[in-house]
Protein backbone atom coordinates (compact mmCIF):
# COMPACT_ATOMS: atom_id res chain seq x y z
CA UNK A 1 20.45 34.05 80.67
CA UNK A 2 18.06 32.31 83.00
CA UNK A 3 15.98 30.65 80.31
CA UNK A 4 17.61 28.54 77.62
CA UNK A 5 14.31 27.33 76.16
CA UNK A 6 10.61 27.99 76.34
CA UNK A 7 7.54 26.33 74.90
CA UNK A 8 4.03 27.41 73.96
CA UNK A 9 0.61 25.88 74.42
CA UNK A 10 0.31 24.98 70.74
CA UNK A 11 2.54 21.89 71.18
CA UNK A 12 0.58 18.71 70.47
CA UNK A 13 1.04 17.47 74.05
CA UNK A 14 0.00 20.27 76.42
CA UNK A 15 0.58 20.19 80.16
CA UNK A 16 -0.06 18.21 82.29
CA UNK A 17 1.16 15.67 79.74
CA UNK A 18 4.86 15.09 80.58
CA UNK A 19 5.62 14.99 76.85
CA UNK A 20 5.07 18.77 76.88
CA UNK A 21 8.76 19.04 77.77
CA UNK A 22 10.10 16.98 74.86
CA UNK A 23 10.84 19.88 72.48
CA UNK A 24 12.55 21.84 75.24
CA UNK A 25 14.69 18.94 76.42
CA UNK A 26 15.68 18.15 72.84
CA UNK A 27 16.69 21.74 72.18
CA UNK A 28 18.80 22.29 75.30
CA UNK A 29 20.38 18.82 75.43
CA UNK A 30 20.85 18.89 79.20
CA UNK A 31 20.02 15.95 81.48
CA UNK A 32 16.67 16.40 83.23
CA UNK A 33 18.28 16.25 86.65
CA UNK A 34 20.31 19.35 85.73
CA UNK A 35 17.24 21.38 84.85
CA UNK A 36 14.35 22.86 86.81
CA UNK A 37 10.83 23.78 85.86
CA UNK A 38 9.20 26.73 87.59
CA UNK A 39 5.43 26.72 87.60
CA UNK A 40 2.50 28.37 89.28
CA UNK A 41 -0.24 25.71 89.07
CA UNK A 42 -0.51 22.03 89.94
CA UNK A 43 -0.68 21.12 86.23
CA UNK A 44 2.89 22.41 86.00
CA UNK A 45 3.99 20.23 88.90
CA UNK A 46 2.23 17.16 87.51
CA UNK A 47 3.84 17.63 84.11
CA UNK A 48 7.33 18.26 85.49
CA UNK A 49 7.30 15.37 87.94
CA UNK A 50 5.82 13.07 85.31
CA UNK A 51 8.72 13.99 83.04
CA UNK A 52 11.30 13.54 85.80
CA UNK A 53 12.17 17.24 85.93
CA UNK A 54 12.74 18.96 89.30
CA UNK A 55 10.01 21.48 90.09
CA UNK A 56 9.87 24.80 91.92
CA UNK A 57 6.49 26.35 92.64
CA UNK A 58 5.94 30.08 92.44
CA UNK A 59 3.01 31.76 94.14
CA UNK A 60 2.80 34.54 91.56
CA UNK A 61 0.13 32.74 89.56
CA UNK A 62 -2.50 32.70 92.26
CA UNK A 63 -2.24 29.13 93.54
CA UNK A 64 -2.03 29.37 97.35
CA UNK A 65 0.96 27.89 99.13
CA UNK A 66 -1.18 25.38 101.05
CA UNK A 67 -2.27 23.79 97.75
CA UNK A 68 1.33 23.09 96.78
CA UNK A 69 2.17 21.86 100.29
CA UNK A 70 -0.86 19.54 100.30
CA UNK A 71 0.33 18.09 96.97
CA UNK A 72 3.64 17.18 98.62
CA UNK A 73 5.83 20.02 97.40
CA UNK A 74 8.36 20.90 100.09
CA UNK A 75 8.22 24.46 101.44
CA UNK A 76 11.86 24.97 100.43
CA UNK A 77 10.77 24.43 96.79
CA UNK A 78 8.14 27.21 96.89
CA UNK A 79 8.98 30.83 96.09
CA UNK A 80 6.80 33.94 96.27
CA UNK A 81 7.79 35.15 92.80
CA UNK A 82 10.32 34.47 90.07
CA UNK A 83 12.37 37.33 91.53
CA UNK A 84 13.13 35.01 94.48
CA UNK A 85 14.75 32.39 92.23
CA UNK A 86 18.34 33.70 92.41
CA UNK A 87 18.24 33.59 96.22
CA UNK A 88 16.90 30.03 96.20
CA UNK A 89 19.63 28.91 93.80
CA UNK A 90 22.32 30.55 95.96
CA UNK A 91 20.99 28.69 99.02
CA UNK A 92 21.19 25.35 97.26
């Protein structure tokens, strides 16, 4: 499967607090550098980078590409939709 863990907004530390990832990281027991967080808003990016988790932006949530680029996210870490993820992983 693509997703080994998910989380909901009812966690006591919601995004953009980097602690939002604590229950996920505890459940999967994988080093952060071997994971990736895919998000569609800058709050996602702030939370992931604050937690030390690599981030991939997806444009499917309505945030324009230029917003992610302006924040410093490299164009090779931005995908149009989650359907583009397998291709990105194969390229890496």
